[in-house]
Amino acid sequence: MKVFISKWALTRGIIEADGKITTGRSGTRYFMQTGPRFSKPLLIVGKDAHETREGATEEAKFLLERKLASLRRQIAKIEALDFSEEGK
């Protein structure tokens, strides 16, 4: 079955992969890749891997917004640094 992996969307982009989907004891669906590209990690279907490109794109957009928010917070902290003697 072909799935679209969004786990590494910000570094590698959305990746198409072949493999199989299994269901765990808790009912969580997992994707296991069958090709040589990765070391075959288990990916959670609906979070890390998606059955449609649209699902993977939505997750990638969510990851991008979360990363941008994190970077904005980091920039604000850096801009607030005070190295002057009066700041001590």
PDB file of N, CA and C in Angstrom:
ATOM      1  N   MET A   1       0.845  -1.173   0.000  1.00  0.00           N
ATOM      2  CA  MET A   1       0.000   0.000   0.000  1.00  0.00           C
ATOM      3  C   MET A   1       0.891   1.237   0.000  1.00  0.00           C
ATOM      4  N   LYS A   2       0.511   2.236  -0.759  1.00  0.00           N
ATOM      5  CA  LYS A   2       1.270   3.478  -0.837  1.00  0.00           C
ATOM      6  C   LYS A   2       0.736   4.455   0.216  1.00  0.00           C
ATOM      7  N   VAL A   3       1.654   5.060   0.958  1.00  0.00           N
ATOM      8  CA  VAL A   3       1.300   6.105   1.914  1.00  0.00           C
ATOM      9  C   VAL A   3       2.219   7.299   1.698  1.00  0.00           C
ATOM     10  N   PHE A   4       1.863   8.394   2.329  1.00  0.00           N
ATOM     11  CA  PHE A   4       2.633   9.622   2.231  1.00  0.00           C
ATOM     12  C   PHE A   4       3.123   9.956   3.636  1.00  0.00           C
ATOM     13  N   ILE A   5       4.439  10.013   3.799  1.00  0.00           N
ATOM     14  CA  ILE A   5       5.051  10.225   5.112  1.00  0.00           C
ATOM     15  C   ILE A   5       5.283  11.714   5.318  1.00  0.00           C
ATOM     16  N   SER A   6       4.743  12.227   6.438  1.00  0.00           N
ATOM     17  CA  SER A   6       4.891  13.649   6.757  1.00  0.00           C
ATOM     18  C   SER A   6       5.800  13.883   7.962  1.00  0.00           C
ATOM     19  N   LYS A   7       6.291  12.823   8.563  1.00  0.00           N
ATOM     20  CA  LYS A   7       7.099  12.959   9.777  1.00  0.00           C
ATOM     21  C   LYS A   7       8.309  13.861   9.569  1.00  0.00           C
ATOM     22  N   TRP A   8       8.936  13.775   8.419  1.00  0.00           N
ATOM     23  CA  TRP A   8      10.133  14.570   8.133  1.00  0.00           C
ATOM     24  C   TRP A   8       9.851  15.647   7.082  1.00  0.00           C
ATOM     25  N   ALA A   9       8.617  16.137   7.035  1.00  0.00           N
ATOM     26  CA  ALA A   9       8.200  17.074   5.988  1.00  0.00           C
ATOM     27  C   ALA A   9       9.026  18.355   5.984  1.00  0.00           C
ATOM     28  N   LEU A  10       9.456  18.826   7.148  1.00  0.00           N
ATOM     29  CA  LEU A  10      10.198  20.083   7.205  1.00  0.00           C
ATOM     30  C   LEU A  10      11.660  19.926   6.792  1.00  0.00           C
ATOM     31  N   THR A  11      12.172  18.718   6.796  1.00  0.00           N
ATOM     32  CA  THR A  11      13.569  18.506   6.415  1.00  0.00           C
ATOM     33  C   THR A  11      13.718  17.766   5.093  1.00  0.00           C
ATOM     34  N   ARG A  12      12.847  16.817   4.819  1.00  0.00           N
ATOM     35  CA  ARG A  12      12.957  16.000   3.606  1.00  0.00           C
ATOM     36  C   ARG A  12      11.781  16.184   2.649  1.00  0.00           C
ATOM     37  N   GLY A  13      10.734  16.859   3.099  1.00  0.00           N
ATOM     38  CA  GLY A  13       9.521  16.962   2.292  1.00  0.00           C
ATOM     39  C   GLY A  13       8.616  15.769   2.541  1.00  0.00           C
ATOM     40  N   ILE A  14       7.486  15.756   1.866  1.00  0.00           N
ATOM     41  CA  ILE A  14       6.558  14.636   1.977  1.00  0.00           C
ATOM     42  C   ILE A  14       7.072  13.511   1.091  1.00  0.00           C
ATOM     43  N   ILE A  15       7.167  12.328   1.663  1.00  0.00           N
ATOM     44  CA  ILE A  15       7.762  11.185   0.980  1.00  0.00           C
ATOM     45  C   ILE A  15       6.693  10.143   0.679  1.00  0.00           C
ATOM     46  N   GLU A  16       6.662   9.658  -0.547  1.00  0.00           N
ATOM     47  CA  GLU A  16       5.787   8.543  -0.903  1.00  0.00           C
ATOM     48  C   GLU A  16       6.532   7.251  -0.607  1.00  0.00           C
ATOM     49  N   ALA A  17       5.840   6.317   0.017  1.00  0.00           N
ATOM     50  CA  ALA A  17       6.496   5.057   0.361  1.00  0.00           C
ATOM     51  C   ALA A  17       5.511   3.905   0.237  1.00  0.00           C
ATOM     52  N   ASP A  18       6.046   2.735  -0.030  1.00  0.00           N
ATOM     53  CA  ASP A  18       5.243   1.515  -0.068  1.00  0.00           C
ATOM     54  C   ASP A  18       5.508   0.713   1.191  1.00  0.00           C
ATOM     55  N   GLY A  19       4.488   0.040   1.653  1.00  0.00           N
ATOM     56  CA  GLY A  19       4.625  -0.776   2.844  1.00  0.00           C
ATOM     57  C   GLY A  19       3.294  -1.372   3.225  1.00  0.00           C
ATOM     58  N   LYS A  20       3.167  -1.712   4.494  1.00  0.00           N
ATOM     59  CA  LYS A  20       1.901  -2.279   4.944  1.00  0.00           C
ATOM     60  C   LYS A  20       1.443  -1.572   6.214  1.00  0.00           C
ATOM     61  N   ILE A  21       0.136  -1.556   6.389  1.00  0.00           N
ATOM     62  CA  ILE A  21      -0.473  -0.947   7.570  1.00  0.00           C
ATOM     63  C   ILE A  21      -0.974  -2.071   8.460  1.00  0.00           C
ATOM     64  N   THR A  22      -0.598  -2.009   9.733  1.00  0.00           N
ATOM     65  CA  THR A  22      -1.048  -2.993  10.711  1.00  0.00           C
ATOM     66  C   THR A  22      -1.747  -2.267  11.854  1.00  0.00           C
ATOM     67  N   THR A  23      -2.525  -3.004  12.603  1.00  0.00           N
ATOM     68  CA  THR A  23      -3.229  -2.438  13.749  1.00  0.00           C
ATOM     69  C   THR A  23      -2.660  -3.036  15.022  1.00  0.00           C
ATOM     70  N   GLY A  24      -2.288  -2.150  15.971  1.00  0.00           N
ATOM     71  CA  GLY A  24      -1.737  -2.602  17.239  1.00  0.00           C
ATOM     72  C   GLY A  24      -2.818  -3.028  18.208  1.00  0.00           C
ATOM     73  N   ARG A  25      -2.424  -3.457  19.368  1.00  0.00           N
ATOM     74  CA  ARG A  25      -3.365  -3.922  20.387  1.00  0.00           C
ATOM     75  C   ARG A  25      -4.340  -2.834  20.832  1.00  0.00           C
ATOM     76  N   SER A  26      -3.859  -1.594  20.859  1.00  0.00           N
ATOM     77  CA  SER A  26      -4.702  -0.487  21.313  1.00  0.00           C
ATOM     78  C   SER A  26      -5.606   0.046  20.205  1.00  0.00           C
ATOM     79  N   GLY A  27      -5.501  -0.521  19.006  1.00  0.00           N
ATOM     80  CA  GLY A  27      -6.300  -0.068  17.881  1.00  0.00           C
ATOM     81  C   GLY A  27      -5.603   0.964  17.023  1.00  0.00           C
ATOM     82  N   THR A  28      -4.414   1.380  17.435  1.00  0.00           N
ATOM     83  CA  THR A  28      -3.635   2.342  16.660  1.00  0.00           C
ATOM     84  C   THR A  28      -3.118   1.670  15.397  1.00  0.00           C
ATOM     85  N   ARG A  29      -3.237   2.373  14.286  1.00  0.00           N
ATOM     86  CA  ARG A  29      -2.763   1.850  13.011  1.00  0.00           C
ATOM     87  C   ARG A  29      -1.335   2.321  12.776  1.00  0.00           C
ATOM     88  N   TYR A  30      -0.474   1.388  12.370  1.00  0.00           N
ATOM     89  CA  TYR A  30       0.937   1.665  12.132  1.00  0.00           C
ATOM     90  C   TYR A  30       1.287   1.342  10.679  1.00  0.00           C
ATOM     91  N   PHE A  31       2.228   2.104  10.148  1.00  0.00           N
ATOM     92  CA  PHE A  31       2.744   1.843   8.809  1.00  0.00           C
ATOM     93  C   PHE A  31       4.172   1.351   8.939  1.00  0.00           C
ATOM     94  N   MET A  32       4.481   0.260   8.250  1.00  0.00           N
ATOM     95  CA  MET A  32       5.843  -0.258   8.228  1.00  0.00           C
ATOM     96  C   MET A  32       6.305  -0.277   6.779  1.00  0.00           C
ATOM     97  N   GLN A  33       7.393   0.433   6.502  1.00  0.00           N
ATOM     98  CA  GLN A  33       7.908   0.524   5.144  1.00  0.00           C
ATOM     99  C   GLN A  33       8.608  -0.765   4.756  1.00  0.00           C
ATOM    100  N   THR A  34       8.468  -1.126   3.488  1.00  0.00           N
ATOM    101  CA  THR A  34       9.083  -2.366   3.027  1.00  0.00           C
ATOM    102  C   THR A  34      10.298  -2.122   2.140  1.00  0.00           C
ATOM    103  N   GLY A  35      10.582  -0.867   1.786  1.00  0.00           N
ATOM    104  CA  GLY A  35      11.715  -0.558   0.916  1.00  0.00           C
ATOM    105  C   GLY A  35      12.991  -0.301   1.693  1.00  0.00           C
ATOM    106  N   PRO A  36      14.105  -0.054   0.982  1.00  0.00           N
ATOM    107  CA  PRO A  36      15.410   0.135   1.619  1.00  0.00           C
ATOM    108  C   PRO A  36      15.705   1.570   2.061  1.00  0.00           C
ATOM    109  N   ARG A  37      14.772   2.522   1.883  1.00  0.00           N
ATOM    110  CA  ARG A  37      15.096   3.927   2.097  1.00  0.00           C
ATOM    111  C   ARG A  37      15.316   4.288   3.571  1.00  0.00           C
ATOM    112  N   PHE A  38      14.567   3.699   4.473  1.00  0.00           N
ATOM    113  CA  PHE A  38      14.691   3.996   5.896  1.00  0.00           C
ATOM    114  C   PHE A  38      15.053   2.728   6.649  1.00  0.00           C
ATOM    115  N   SER A  39      15.293   2.882   7.937  1.00  0.00           N
ATOM    116  CA  SER A  39      15.579   1.714   8.768  1.00  0.00           C
ATOM    117  C   SER A  39      14.272   1.113   9.287  1.00  0.00           C
ATOM    118  N   LYS A  40      13.210   1.273   8.527  1.00  0.00           N
ATOM    119  CA  LYS A  40      11.906   0.686   8.795  1.00  0.00           C
ATOM    120  C   LYS A  40      11.315   1.059  10.160  1.00  0.00           C
ATOM    121  N   PRO A  41      11.177   2.341  10.474  1.00  0.00           N
ATOM    122  CA  PRO A  41      10.520   2.701  11.723  1.00  0.00           C
ATOM    123  C   PRO A  41       9.021   2.485  11.608  1.00  0.00           C
ATOM    124  N   LEU A  42       8.360   2.261  12.723  1.00  0.00           N
ATOM    125  CA  LEU A  42       6.908   2.196  12.725  1.00  0.00           C
ATOM    126  C   LEU A  42       6.387   3.630  12.785  1.00  0.00           C
ATOM    127  N   LEU A  43       5.546   3.974  11.869  1.00  0.00           N
ATOM    128  CA  LEU A  43       4.973   5.302  11.816  1.00  0.00           C
ATOM    129  C   LEU A  43       3.483   5.206  12.094  1.00  0.00           C
ATOM    130  N   ILE A  44       2.947   6.142  12.849  1.00  0.00           N
ATOM    131  CA  ILE A  44       1.534   6.137  13.187  1.00  0.00           C
ATOM    132  C   ILE A  44       0.749   6.709  12.011  1.00  0.00           C
ATOM    133  N   VAL A  45      -0.219   5.945  11.532  1.00  0.00           N
ATOM    134  CA  VAL A  45      -1.058   6.395  10.424  1.00  0.00           C
ATOM    135  C   VAL A  45      -1.984   7.490  10.948  1.00  0.00           C
ATOM    136  N   GLY A  46      -2.024   8.602  10.247  1.00  0.00           N
ATOM    137  CA  GLY A  46      -2.829   9.750  10.662  1.00  0.00           C
ATOM    138  C   GLY A  46      -2.004  10.815  11.344  1.00  0.00           C
ATOM    139  N   LYS A  47      -0.785  10.480  11.747  1.00  0.00           N
ATOM    140  CA  LYS A  47       0.110  11.451  12.378  1.00  0.00           C
ATOM    141  C   LYS A  47       1.414  11.557  11.595  1.00  0.00           C
ATOM    142  N   ASP A  48       2.120  10.472  11.458  1.00  0.00           N
ATOM    143  CA  ASP A  48       3.410  10.435  10.758  1.00  0.00           C
ATOM    144  C   ASP A  48       3.264  10.015   9.299  1.00  0.00           C
ATOM    145  N   ALA A  49       2.295   9.198   9.008  1.00  0.00           N
ATOM    146  CA  ALA A  49       2.056   8.688   7.657  1.00  0.00           C
ATOM    147  C   ALA A  49       0.564   8.816   7.352  1.00  0.00           C
ATOM    148  N   HIS A  50       0.248   9.056   6.081  1.00  0.00           N
ATOM    149  CA  HIS A  50      -1.140   9.312   5.693  1.00  0.00           C
ATOM    150  C   HIS A  50      -1.463   8.545   4.421  1.00  0.00           C
ATOM    151  N   GLU A  51      -2.716   8.156   4.304  1.00  0.00           N
ATOM    152  CA  GLU A  51      -3.134   7.395   3.137  1.00  0.00           C
ATOM    153  C   GLU A  51      -3.370   8.287   1.922  1.00  0.00           C
ATOM    154  N   THR A  52      -3.505   9.598   2.134  1.00  0.00           N
ATOM    155  CA  THR A  52      -3.685  10.531   1.021  1.00  0.00           C
ATOM    156  C   THR A  52      -2.639  11.636   1.098  1.00  0.00           C
ATOM    157  N   ARG A  53      -2.307  12.194  -0.055  1.00  0.00           N
ATOM    158  CA  ARG A  53      -1.364  13.309  -0.094  1.00  0.00           C
ATOM    159  C   ARG A  53      -1.959  14.518   0.630  1.00  0.00           C
ATOM    160  N   GLU A  54      -3.273  14.696   0.546  1.00  0.00           N
ATOM    161  CA  GLU A  54      -3.927  15.827   1.214  1.00  0.00           C
ATOM    162  C   GLU A  54      -3.758  15.740   2.729  1.00  0.00           C
ATOM    163  N   GLY A  55      -3.886  14.544   3.285  1.00  0.00           N
ATOM    164  CA  GLY A  55      -3.683  14.362   4.716  1.00  0.00           C
ATOM    165  C   GLY A  55      -2.259  14.695   5.129  1.00  0.00           C
ATOM    166  N   ALA A  56      -1.302  14.267   4.323  1.00  0.00           N
ATOM    167  CA  ALA A  56       0.107  14.555   4.602  1.00  0.00           C
ATOM    168  C   ALA A  56       0.384  16.050   4.480  1.00  0.00           C
ATOM    169  N   THR A  57      -0.243  16.699   3.510  1.00  0.00           N
ATOM    170  CA  THR A  57      -0.055  18.138   3.327  1.00  0.00           C
ATOM    171  C   THR A  57      -0.616  18.917   4.510  1.00  0.00           C
ATOM    172  N   GLU A  58      -1.772  18.533   4.992  1.00  0.00           N
ATOM    173  CA  GLU A  58      -2.359  19.198   6.165  1.00  0.00           C
ATOM    174  C   GLU A  58      -1.462  19.044   7.391  1.00  0.00           C
ATOM    175  N   GLU A  59      -0.923  17.858   7.602  1.00  0.00           N
ATOM    176  CA  GLU A  59      -0.017  17.627   8.733  1.00  0.00           C
ATOM    177  C   GLU A  59       1.263  18.439   8.574  1.00  0.00           C
ATOM    178  N   ALA A  60       1.783  18.528   7.352  1.00  0.00           N
ATOM    179  CA  ALA A  60       2.993  19.316   7.098  1.00  0.00           C
ATOM    180  C   ALA A  60       2.739  20.794   7.380  1.00  0.00           C
ATOM    181  N   LYS A  61       1.565  21.298   7.017  1.00  0.00           N
ATOM    182  CA  LYS A  61       1.215  22.693   7.318  1.00  0.00           C
ATOM    183  C   LYS A  61       1.151  22.920   8.825  1.00  0.00           C
ATOM    184  N   PHE A  62       0.570  21.944   9.546  1.00  0.00           N
ATOM    185  CA  PHE A  62       0.508  22.041  11.007  1.00  0.00           C
ATOM    186  C   PHE A  62       1.906  22.062  11.607  1.00  0.00           C
ATOM    187  N   LEU A  63       2.788  21.173  11.124  1.00  0.00           N
ATOM    188  CA  LEU A  63       4.162  21.127  11.628  1.00  0.00           C
ATOM    189  C   LEU A  63       4.893  22.432  11.337  1.00  0.00           C
ATOM    190  N   LEU A  64       4.659  23.001  10.156  1.00  0.00           N
ATOM    191  CA  LEU A  64       5.291  24.265   9.784  1.00  0.00           C
ATOM    192  C   LEU A  64       4.847  25.394  10.701  1.00  0.00           C
ATOM    193  N   GLU A  65       3.557  25.500  10.967  1.00  0.00           N
ATOM    194  CA  GLU A  65       3.056  26.560  11.861  1.00  0.00           C
ATOM    195  C   GLU A  65       3.616  26.401  13.268  1.00  0.00           C
ATOM    196  N   ARG A  66       3.682  25.158  13.734  1.00  0.00           N
ATOM    197  CA  ARG A  66       4.228  24.912  15.078  1.00  0.00           C
ATOM    198  C   ARG A  66       5.701  25.291  15.144  1.00  0.00           C
ATOM    199  N   LYS A  67       6.472  24.978  14.105  1.00  0.00           N
ATOM    200  CA  LYS A  67       7.893  25.322  14.066  1.00  0.00           C
ATOM    201  C   LYS A  67       8.082  26.830  13.999  1.00  0.00           C
ATOM    202  N   LEU A  68       7.274  27.513  13.176  1.00  0.00           N
ATOM    203  CA  LEU A  68       7.366  28.971  13.074  1.00  0.00           C
ATOM    204  C   LEU A  68       7.042  29.645  14.407  1.00  0.00           C
ATOM    205  N   ALA A  69       6.040  29.142  15.119  1.00  0.00           N
ATOM    206  CA  ALA A  69       5.694  29.701  16.429  1.00  0.00           C
ATOM    207  C   ALA A  69       6.852  29.516  17.405  1.00  0.00           C
ATOM    208  N   SER A  70       7.493  28.361  17.363  1.00  0.00           N
ATOM    209  CA  SER A  70       8.642  28.101  18.228  1.00  0.00           C
ATOM    210  C   SER A  70       9.781  29.064  17.914  1.00  0.00           C
ATOM    211  N   LEU A  71      10.047  29.264  16.627  1.00  0.00           N
ATOM    212  CA  LEU A  71      11.126  30.168  16.232  1.00  0.00           C
ATOM    213  C   LEU A  71      10.812  31.614  16.616  1.00  0.00           C
ATOM    214  N   ARG A  72       9.540  32.009  16.513  1.00  0.00           N
ATOM    215  CA  ARG A  72       9.156  33.367  16.938  1.00  0.00           C
ATOM    216  C   ARG A  72       9.420  33.559  18.432  1.00  0.00           C
ATOM    217  N   ARG A  73       9.097  32.541  19.232  1.00  0.00           N
ATOM    218  CA  ARG A  73       9.359  32.632  20.682  1.00  0.00           C
ATOM    219  C   ARG A  73      10.858  32.728  20.942  1.00  0.00           C
ATOM    220  N   GLN A  74      11.662  31.970  20.213  1.00  0.00           N
ATOM    221  CA  GLN A  74      13.114  32.030  20.380  1.00  0.00           C
ATOM    222  C   GLN A  74      13.654  33.399  20.000  1.00  0.00           C
ATOM    223  N   ILE A  75      13.160  33.951  18.900  1.00  0.00           N
ATOM    224  CA  ILE A  75      13.601  35.281  18.473  1.00  0.00           C
ATOM    225  C   ILE A  75      13.249  36.318  19.523  1.00  0.00           C
ATOM    226  N   ALA A  76      12.061  36.240  20.090  1.00  0.00           N
ATOM    227  CA  ALA A  76      11.652  37.191  21.124  1.00  0.00           C
ATOM    228  C   ALA A  76      12.570  37.099  22.343  1.00  0.00           C
ATOM    229  N   LYS A  77      12.938  35.904  22.741  1.00  0.00           N
ATOM    230  CA  LYS A  77      13.845  35.737  23.884  1.00  0.00           C
ATOM    231  C   LYS A  77      15.221  36.322  23.580  1.00  0.00           C
ATOM    232  N   ILE A  78      15.715  36.094  22.379  1.00  0.00           N
ATOM    233  CA  ILE A  78      17.034  36.617  22.003  1.00  0.00           C
ATOM    234  C   ILE A  78      17.012  38.136  21.934  1.00  0.00           C
ATOM    235  N   GLU A  79      15.938  38.697  21.369  1.00  0.00           N
ATOM    236  CA  GLU A  79      15.834  40.153  21.279  1.00  0.00           C
ATOM    237  C   GLU A  79      15.724  40.802  22.655  1.00  0.00           C
ATOM    238  N   ALA A  80      15.222  40.070  23.643  1.00  0.00           N
ATOM    239  CA  ALA A  80      15.061  40.608  24.988  1.00  0.00           C
ATOM    240  C   ALA A  80      16.341  40.532  25.816  1.00  0.00           C
ATOM    241  N   LEU A  81      17.382  39.900  25.306  1.00  0.00           N
ATOM    242  CA  LEU A  81      18.635  39.793  26.051  1.00  0.00           C
ATOM    243  C   LEU A  81      19.233  41.181  26.269  1.00  0.00           C
ATOM    244  N   ASP A  82      19.791  41.361  27.467  1.00  0.00           N
ATOM    245  CA  ASP A  82      20.401  42.639  27.813  1.00  0.00           C
ATOM    246  C   ASP A  82      21.810  42.363  28.342  1.00  0.00           C
ATOM    247  N   PHE A  83      22.814  42.845  27.643  1.00  0.00           N
ATOM    248  CA  PHE A  83      24.192  42.583  28.021  1.00  0.00           C
ATOM    249  C   PHE A  83      24.852  43.799  28.675  1.00  0.00           C
ATOM    250  N   SER A  84      24.104  44.833  28.923  1.00  0.00           N
ATOM    251  CA  SER A  84      24.682  46.023  29.514  1.00  0.00           C
ATOM    252  C   SER A  84      24.923  45.820  31.015  1.00  0.00           C
ATOM    253  N   GLU A  85      25.770  46.662  31.584  1.00  0.00           N
ATOM    254  CA  GLU A  85      26.067  46.592  33.016  1.00  0.00           C
ATOM    255  C   GLU A  85      24.840  46.945  33.849  1.00  0.00           C
ATOM    256  N   GLU A  86      23.981  47.815  33.348  1.00  0.00           N
ATOM    257  CA  GLU A  86      22.790  48.193  34.095  1.00  0.00           C
ATOM    258  C   GLU A  86      21.781  47.047  34.170  1.00  0.00           C
ATOM    259  N   GLY A  87      21.876  46.109  33.257  1.00  0.00           N
ATOM    260  CA  GLY A  87      20.935  45.010  33.208  1.00  0.00           C
ATOM    261  C   GLY A  87      21.168  43.959  34.267  1.00  0.00           C
ATOM    262  N   LYS A  88      22.304  44.038  34.982  1.00  0.00           N
ATOM    263  CA  LYS A  88      22.615  43.019  36.004  1.00  0.00           C
ATOM    264  C   LYS A  88      21.938  43.283  37.289  1.00  0.00           C
TER     265      LYS A  88
END
